[in-house]
Amino acid sequence: MSKNEIKSHYVYMLSCANGELYTGYTVDPVKRVRLHNLGLASKFTRSHRPVVLVRLEKFSNKSTALKRELEIKKMKRAIKLRLCDIS
């Protein structure tokens, strides 16, 4: 990546096979979801596969993205479900 390219940062939410929700941070959402489904991205999702991407938020810097990830992780499940438009 050249100095002129701006790297995007993402916060994503996954819906797991058992109905659980998982929130994470990445710079490559396509690769990250694939790794989750292969059981290589996190200990939690390894035992809750397959996963489906249900929300993706884009940020221009890592700090803002990580703050948003923490904010989402602190939300109650009902709010997360509304955020993802899942009932």
C-alpha atoms as a PDB file:
ATOM      1  CA  MET A   1       0.000   0.000   0.000  1.00  0.00           C
ATOM      2  CA  SER A   2       1.433   3.359  -0.979  1.00  0.00           C
ATOM      3  CA  LYS A   3       1.509   6.383   1.291  1.00  0.00           C
ATOM      4  CA  ASN A   4      -1.287   7.985  -0.741  1.00  0.00           C
ATOM      5  CA  GLU A   5      -3.713   5.092  -0.212  1.00  0.00           C
ATOM      6  CA  ILE A   6      -6.008   5.498   2.750  1.00  0.00           C
ATOM      7  CA  LYS A   7      -6.608   2.296   4.672  1.00  0.00           C
ATOM      8  CA  SER A   8     -10.189   1.762   5.787  1.00  0.00           C
ATOM      9  CA  HIS A   9     -11.034   0.276   9.151  1.00  0.00           C
ATOM     10  CA  TYR A  10     -14.200  -1.708   9.785  1.00  0.00           C
ATOM     11  CA  VAL A  11     -16.346  -2.832  12.670  1.00  0.00           C
ATOM     12  CA  TYR A  12     -18.446  -5.824  11.771  1.00  0.00           C
ATOM     13  CA  MET A  13     -21.154  -7.922  13.342  1.00  0.00           C
ATOM     14  CA  LEU A  14     -21.729 -11.580  12.645  1.00  0.00           C
ATOM     15  CA  SER A  15     -24.740 -13.742  13.281  1.00  0.00           C
ATOM     16  CA  CYS A  16     -23.595 -17.188  14.368  1.00  0.00           C
ATOM     17  CA  ALA A  17     -25.324 -20.501  13.618  1.00  0.00           C
ATOM     18  CA  ASN A  18     -26.714 -20.686  17.163  1.00  0.00           C
ATOM     19  CA  GLY A  19     -28.121 -17.135  17.063  1.00  0.00           C
ATOM     20  CA  GLU A  20     -25.295 -15.501  18.995  1.00  0.00           C
ATOM     21  CA  LEU A  21     -23.891 -12.188  17.775  1.00  0.00           C
ATOM     22  CA  TYR A  22     -20.188 -11.457  17.458  1.00  0.00           C
ATOM     23  CA  THR A  23     -18.619  -8.017  16.984  1.00  0.00           C
ATOM     24  CA  GLY A  24     -15.091  -7.418  15.755  1.00  0.00           C
ATOM     25  CA  TYR A  25     -12.633  -5.085  14.044  1.00  0.00           C
ATOM     26  CA  THR A  26     -10.756  -5.619  10.779  1.00  0.00           C
ATOM     27  CA  VAL A  27      -9.188  -3.885   7.787  1.00  0.00           C
ATOM     28  CA  ASP A  28     -10.345  -6.643   5.391  1.00  0.00           C
ATOM     29  CA  PRO A  29     -13.948  -7.729   6.095  1.00  0.00           C
ATOM     30  CA  VAL A  30     -14.189 -10.294   3.282  1.00  0.00           C
ATOM     31  CA  LYS A  31     -11.059 -12.098   4.426  1.00  0.00           C
ATOM     32  CA  ARG A  32     -12.054 -11.856   8.082  1.00  0.00           C
ATOM     33  CA  VAL A  33     -15.500 -13.428   7.580  1.00  0.00           C
ATOM     34  CA  ARG A  34     -13.888 -16.215   5.543  1.00  0.00           C
ATOM     35  CA  LEU A  35     -11.408 -16.851   8.376  1.00  0.00           C
ATOM     36  CA  HIS A  36     -14.256 -16.949  10.910  1.00  0.00           C
ATOM     37  CA  ASN A  37     -16.043 -19.572   8.822  1.00  0.00           C
ATOM     38  CA  LEU A  38     -12.845 -21.613   8.551  1.00  0.00           C
ATOM     39  CA  GLY A  39     -12.506 -21.535  12.350  1.00  0.00           C
ATOM     40  CA  LEU A  40      -9.305 -19.485  12.209  1.00  0.00           C
ATOM     41  CA  ALA A  41     -10.390 -16.008  13.332  1.00  0.00           C
ATOM     42  CA  SER A  42     -11.561 -16.290  16.929  1.00  0.00           C
ATOM     43  CA  LYS A  43     -12.030 -18.885  19.617  1.00  0.00           C
ATOM     44  CA  PHE A  44     -15.675 -17.875  20.069  1.00  0.00           C
ATOM     45  CA  THR A  45     -16.792 -18.207  16.458  1.00  0.00           C
ATOM     46  CA  ARG A  46     -14.819 -21.417  15.970  1.00  0.00           C
ATOM     47  CA  SER A  47     -17.527 -23.283  17.891  1.00  0.00           C
ATOM     48  CA  HIS A  48     -20.452 -21.239  16.522  1.00  0.00           C
ATOM     49  CA  ARG A  49     -20.058 -21.689  12.758  1.00  0.00           C
ATOM     50  CA  PRO A  50     -21.178 -20.911  10.182  1.00  0.00           C
ATOM     51  CA  VAL A  51     -21.349 -17.143  10.594  1.00  0.00           C
ATOM     52  CA  VAL A  52     -23.032 -14.530   8.424  1.00  0.00           C
ATOM     53  CA  LEU A  53     -22.057 -10.869   8.157  1.00  0.00           C
ATOM     54  CA  VAL A  54     -25.038  -8.793   9.333  1.00  0.00           C
ATOM     55  CA  ARG A  55     -23.520  -5.321   9.791  1.00  0.00           C
ATOM     56  CA  LEU A  56     -20.462  -3.494   8.521  1.00  0.00           C
ATOM     57  CA  GLU A  57     -19.398   0.028   9.498  1.00  0.00           C
ATOM     58  CA  LYS A  58     -16.492   1.807   7.799  1.00  0.00           C
ATOM     59  CA  PHE A  59     -14.098   4.249   9.512  1.00  0.00           C
ATOM     60  CA  SER A  60     -11.142   6.281   8.334  1.00  0.00           C
ATOM     61  CA  ASN A  61      -8.989   5.521  11.375  1.00  0.00           C
ATOM     62  CA  LYS A  62      -8.357   2.626  13.721  1.00  0.00           C
ATOM     63  CA  SER A  63      -8.985   4.563  16.926  1.00  0.00           C
ATOM     64  CA  THR A  64     -12.537   5.521  15.972  1.00  0.00           C
ATOM     65  CA  ALA A  65     -13.284   2.005  14.770  1.00  0.00           C
ATOM     66  CA  LEU A  66     -12.058   0.420  18.000  1.00  0.00           C
ATOM     67  CA  LYS A  67     -14.107   2.859  20.076  1.00  0.00           C
ATOM     68  CA  ARG A  68     -17.204   1.918  18.059  1.00  0.00           C
ATOM     69  CA  GLU A  69     -16.446  -1.798  18.484  1.00  0.00           C
ATOM     70  CA  LEU A  70     -16.350  -1.357  22.253  1.00  0.00           C
ATOM     71  CA  GLU A  71     -19.533   0.717  22.172  1.00  0.00           C
ATOM     72  CA  ILE A  72     -21.377  -2.047  20.302  1.00  0.00           C
ATOM     73  CA  LYS A  73     -20.020  -4.768  22.576  1.00  0.00           C
ATOM     74  CA  LYS A  74     -21.473  -2.927  25.584  1.00  0.00           C
ATOM     75  CA  MET A  75     -24.964  -2.746  24.034  1.00  0.00           C
ATOM     76  CA  LYS A  76     -27.777  -4.994  25.142  1.00  0.00           C
ATOM     77  CA  ARG A  77     -28.672  -7.780  22.724  1.00  0.00           C
ATOM     78  CA  ALA A  78     -32.027  -6.212  21.774  1.00  0.00           C
ATOM     79  CA  ILE A  79     -30.293  -3.022  20.667  1.00  0.00           C
ATOM     80  CA  LYS A  80     -27.726  -5.020  18.666  1.00  0.00           C
ATOM     81  CA  LEU A  81     -30.524  -6.902  16.930  1.00  0.00           C
ATOM     82  CA  ARG A  82     -32.239  -3.633  15.972  1.00  0.00           C
ATOM     83  CA  LEU A  83     -28.916  -2.240  14.781  1.00  0.00           C
ATOM     84  CA  CYS A  84     -28.578  -5.240  12.446  1.00  0.00           C
ATOM     85  CA  ASP A  85     -32.293  -5.224  11.567  1.00  0.00           C
ATOM     86  CA  ILE A  86     -32.626  -8.800  12.849  1.00  0.00           C
ATOM     87  CA  SER A  87     -35.708  -9.969  14.739  1.00  0.00           C
END
